[in-house]
Amino acid sequence: MADEQKSPKTETLGYVPASRAKELKGWAHYEKAAKDLTAAREASTAAKKVIRDQLKASFGEAVDFNVDGEGRLQVFRNLEKTTRRPRGKDLSAELFR
């Protein structure tokens, strides 16, 4: 089983430059919602860092956590490093014909 490779679940087609994406219907609504979400995530990240620092001081090593449905903290240690995804190709020529 360890020798089996997982097939990809998605395939990157490319990207649409921001200047062209603004021409899409509904972009203004999406952009406002995305900015609000970004602000909420930044606040959440800052709050999580405070908790993570307290846990690091208590355990003496870098740990992370998440919160389950009952409000309990699940504390864990990351064993794998993450890798970066490759950049996609520009799709604006195909989208705006």
C-alpha atoms as a PDB file:
ATOM      1  CA  MET A   1       0.000   0.000   0.000  1.00  0.00           C
ATOM      2  CA  ALA A   2       2.860   2.393   0.714  1.00  0.00           C
ATOM      3  CA  ASP A   3       4.028   1.994  -2.894  1.00  0.00           C
ATOM      4  CA  GLU A   4       0.709   3.198  -4.337  1.00  0.00           C
ATOM      5  CA  GLN A   5       0.700   6.762  -5.607  1.00  0.00           C
ATOM      6  CA  LYS A   6      -2.336   8.904  -5.065  1.00  0.00           C
ATOM      7  CA  SER A   7      -3.834  10.399  -8.202  1.00  0.00           C
ATOM      8  CA  PRO A   8      -4.185  14.189  -8.132  1.00  0.00           C
ATOM      9  CA  LYS A   9      -7.573  15.538  -7.094  1.00  0.00           C
ATOM     10  CA  THR A  10      -7.196  18.788  -9.038  1.00  0.00           C
ATOM     11  CA  GLU A  11      -5.181  20.174 -11.912  1.00  0.00           C
ATOM     12  CA  THR A  12      -4.080  23.793 -12.187  1.00  0.00           C
ATOM     13  CA  LEU A  13      -5.140  25.331 -15.479  1.00  0.00           C
ATOM     14  CA  GLY A  14      -3.459  28.715 -14.933  1.00  0.00           C
ATOM     15  CA  TYR A  15      -4.408  32.193 -13.738  1.00  0.00           C
ATOM     16  CA  VAL A  16      -6.237  35.341 -14.817  1.00  0.00           C
ATOM     17  CA  PRO A  17      -4.404  38.642 -14.129  1.00  0.00           C
ATOM     18  CA  ALA A  18      -6.115  40.976 -11.647  1.00  0.00           C
ATOM     19  CA  SER A  19      -6.592  43.655 -14.310  1.00  0.00           C
ATOM     20  CA  ARG A  20      -8.671  41.229 -16.396  1.00  0.00           C
ATOM     21  CA  ALA A  21     -10.446  39.581 -13.450  1.00  0.00           C
ATOM     22  CA  LYS A  22     -12.065  42.932 -12.610  1.00  0.00           C
ATOM     23  CA  GLU A  23     -14.038  42.603 -15.853  1.00  0.00           C
ATOM     24  CA  LEU A  24     -15.823  39.465 -14.620  1.00  0.00           C
ATOM     25  CA  LYS A  25     -19.458  39.777 -13.532  1.00  0.00           C
ATOM     26  CA  GLY A  26     -19.717  39.758  -9.713  1.00  0.00           C
ATOM     27  CA  TRP A  27     -16.045  40.618  -9.177  1.00  0.00           C
ATOM     28  CA  ALA A  28     -16.767  43.713  -7.035  1.00  0.00           C
ATOM     29  CA  HIS A  29     -18.905  41.679  -4.608  1.00  0.00           C
ATOM     30  CA  TYR A  30     -16.284  38.918  -4.438  1.00  0.00           C
ATOM     31  CA  GLU A  31     -13.468  41.430  -3.880  1.00  0.00           C
ATOM     32  CA  LYS A  32     -15.268  43.058  -0.911  1.00  0.00           C
ATOM     33  CA  ALA A  33     -16.088  39.675   0.640  1.00  0.00           C
ATOM     34  CA  ALA A  34     -12.500  38.508   0.138  1.00  0.00           C
ATOM     35  CA  LYS A  35     -11.112  41.638   1.852  1.00  0.00           C
ATOM     36  CA  ASP A  36     -13.458  41.118   4.815  1.00  0.00           C
ATOM     37  CA  LEU A  37     -12.410  37.478   5.046  1.00  0.00           C
ATOM     38  CA  THR A  38      -8.730  38.442   4.903  1.00  0.00           C
ATOM     39  CA  ALA A  39      -9.195  40.866   7.810  1.00  0.00           C
ATOM     40  CA  ALA A  40     -10.951  38.182   9.868  1.00  0.00           C
ATOM     41  CA  ARG A  41      -8.211  35.647   9.107  1.00  0.00           C
ATOM     42  CA  GLU A  42      -5.497  38.114  10.106  1.00  0.00           C
ATOM     43  CA  ALA A  43      -7.238  38.728  13.446  1.00  0.00           C
ATOM     44  CA  SER A  44      -7.646  34.982  13.967  1.00  0.00           C
ATOM     45  CA  THR A  45      -3.981  34.357  13.100  1.00  0.00           C
ATOM     46  CA  ALA A  46      -2.826  36.976  15.590  1.00  0.00           C
ATOM     47  CA  ALA A  47      -4.999  35.478  18.334  1.00  0.00           C
ATOM     48  CA  LYS A  48      -3.830  31.947  17.487  1.00  0.00           C
ATOM     49  CA  LYS A  49      -0.187  33.066  17.696  1.00  0.00           C
ATOM     50  CA  VAL A  50      -0.715  34.185  21.300  1.00  0.00           C
ATOM     51  CA  ILE A  51      -2.138  30.754  22.217  1.00  0.00           C
ATOM     52  CA  ARG A  52       0.577  28.947  20.238  1.00  0.00           C
ATOM     53  CA  ASP A  53       3.299  30.916  22.075  1.00  0.00           C
ATOM     54  CA  GLN A  54       1.795  29.937  25.432  1.00  0.00           C
ATOM     55  CA  LEU A  55       1.706  26.271  24.394  1.00  0.00           C
ATOM     56  CA  LYS A  56       5.299  26.476  23.152  1.00  0.00           C
ATOM     57  CA  ALA A  57       6.399  27.874  26.513  1.00  0.00           C
ATOM     58  CA  SER A  58       4.531  25.092  28.340  1.00  0.00           C
ATOM     59  CA  PHE A  59       5.736  22.200  26.156  1.00  0.00           C
ATOM     60  CA  GLY A  60       9.200  23.564  25.377  1.00  0.00           C
ATOM     61  CA  GLU A  61       8.819  22.897  21.640  1.00  0.00           C
ATOM     62  CA  ALA A  62       6.937  24.227  18.638  1.00  0.00           C
ATOM     63  CA  VAL A  63       3.415  22.804  18.597  1.00  0.00           C
ATOM     64  CA  ASP A  64       0.166  23.727  16.900  1.00  0.00           C
ATOM     65  CA  PHE A  65      -3.487  23.298  17.782  1.00  0.00           C
ATOM     66  CA  ASN A  66      -7.016  23.357  16.516  1.00  0.00           C
ATOM     67  CA  VAL A  67     -10.350  23.631  18.283  1.00  0.00           C
ATOM     68  CA  ASP A  68     -12.925  20.847  18.016  1.00  0.00           C
ATOM     69  CA  GLY A  69     -16.703  21.293  17.981  1.00  0.00           C
ATOM     70  CA  GLU A  70     -16.890  21.188  21.777  1.00  0.00           C
ATOM     71  CA  GLY A  71     -14.294  23.938  22.252  1.00  0.00           C
ATOM     72  CA  ARG A  72     -11.437  21.621  23.319  1.00  0.00           C
ATOM     73  CA  LEU A  73      -7.917  22.299  22.065  1.00  0.00           C
ATOM     74  CA  GLN A  74      -6.305  19.483  20.124  1.00  0.00           C
ATOM     75  CA  VAL A  75      -2.554  20.046  20.446  1.00  0.00           C
ATOM     76  CA  PHE A  76      -0.196  18.397  17.950  1.00  0.00           C
ATOM     77  CA  ARG A  77       3.335  18.422  16.587  1.00  0.00           C
ATOM     78  CA  ASN A  78       3.908  18.705  12.807  1.00  0.00           C
ATOM     79  CA  LEU A  79       6.082  15.870  11.535  1.00  0.00           C
ATOM     80  CA  GLU A  80       6.090  16.713   7.802  1.00  0.00           C
ATOM     81  CA  LYS A  81       7.361  19.776   5.992  1.00  0.00           C
ATOM     82  CA  THR A  82       5.043  21.386   3.441  1.00  0.00           C
ATOM     83  CA  THR A  83       6.105  22.136  -0.132  1.00  0.00           C
ATOM     84  CA  ARG A  84       5.159  25.017  -2.413  1.00  0.00           C
ATOM     85  CA  ARG A  85       2.952  24.551  -5.445  1.00  0.00           C
ATOM     86  CA  PRO A  86       4.198  25.551  -8.918  1.00  0.00           C
ATOM     87  CA  ARG A  87       2.768  28.684 -10.561  1.00  0.00           C
ATOM     88  CA  GLY A  88       0.082  28.288 -13.201  1.00  0.00           C
ATOM     89  CA  LYS A  89      -0.167  29.755 -16.691  1.00  0.00           C
ATOM     90  CA  ASP A  90      -2.021  32.937 -17.716  1.00  0.00           C
ATOM     91  CA  LEU A  91      -5.615  32.076 -18.737  1.00  0.00           C
ATOM     92  CA  SER A  92      -6.813  35.569 -19.702  1.00  0.00           C
ATOM     93  CA  ALA A  93      -6.386  34.966 -23.446  1.00  0.00           C
ATOM     94  CA  GLU A  94      -8.713  31.946 -23.256  1.00  0.00           C
ATOM     95  CA  LEU A  95     -11.239  33.577 -20.927  1.00  0.00           C
ATOM     96  CA  PHE A  96     -11.606  36.900 -22.768  1.00  0.00           C
ATOM     97  CA  ARG A  97     -11.853  35.871 -26.440  1.00  0.00           C
END
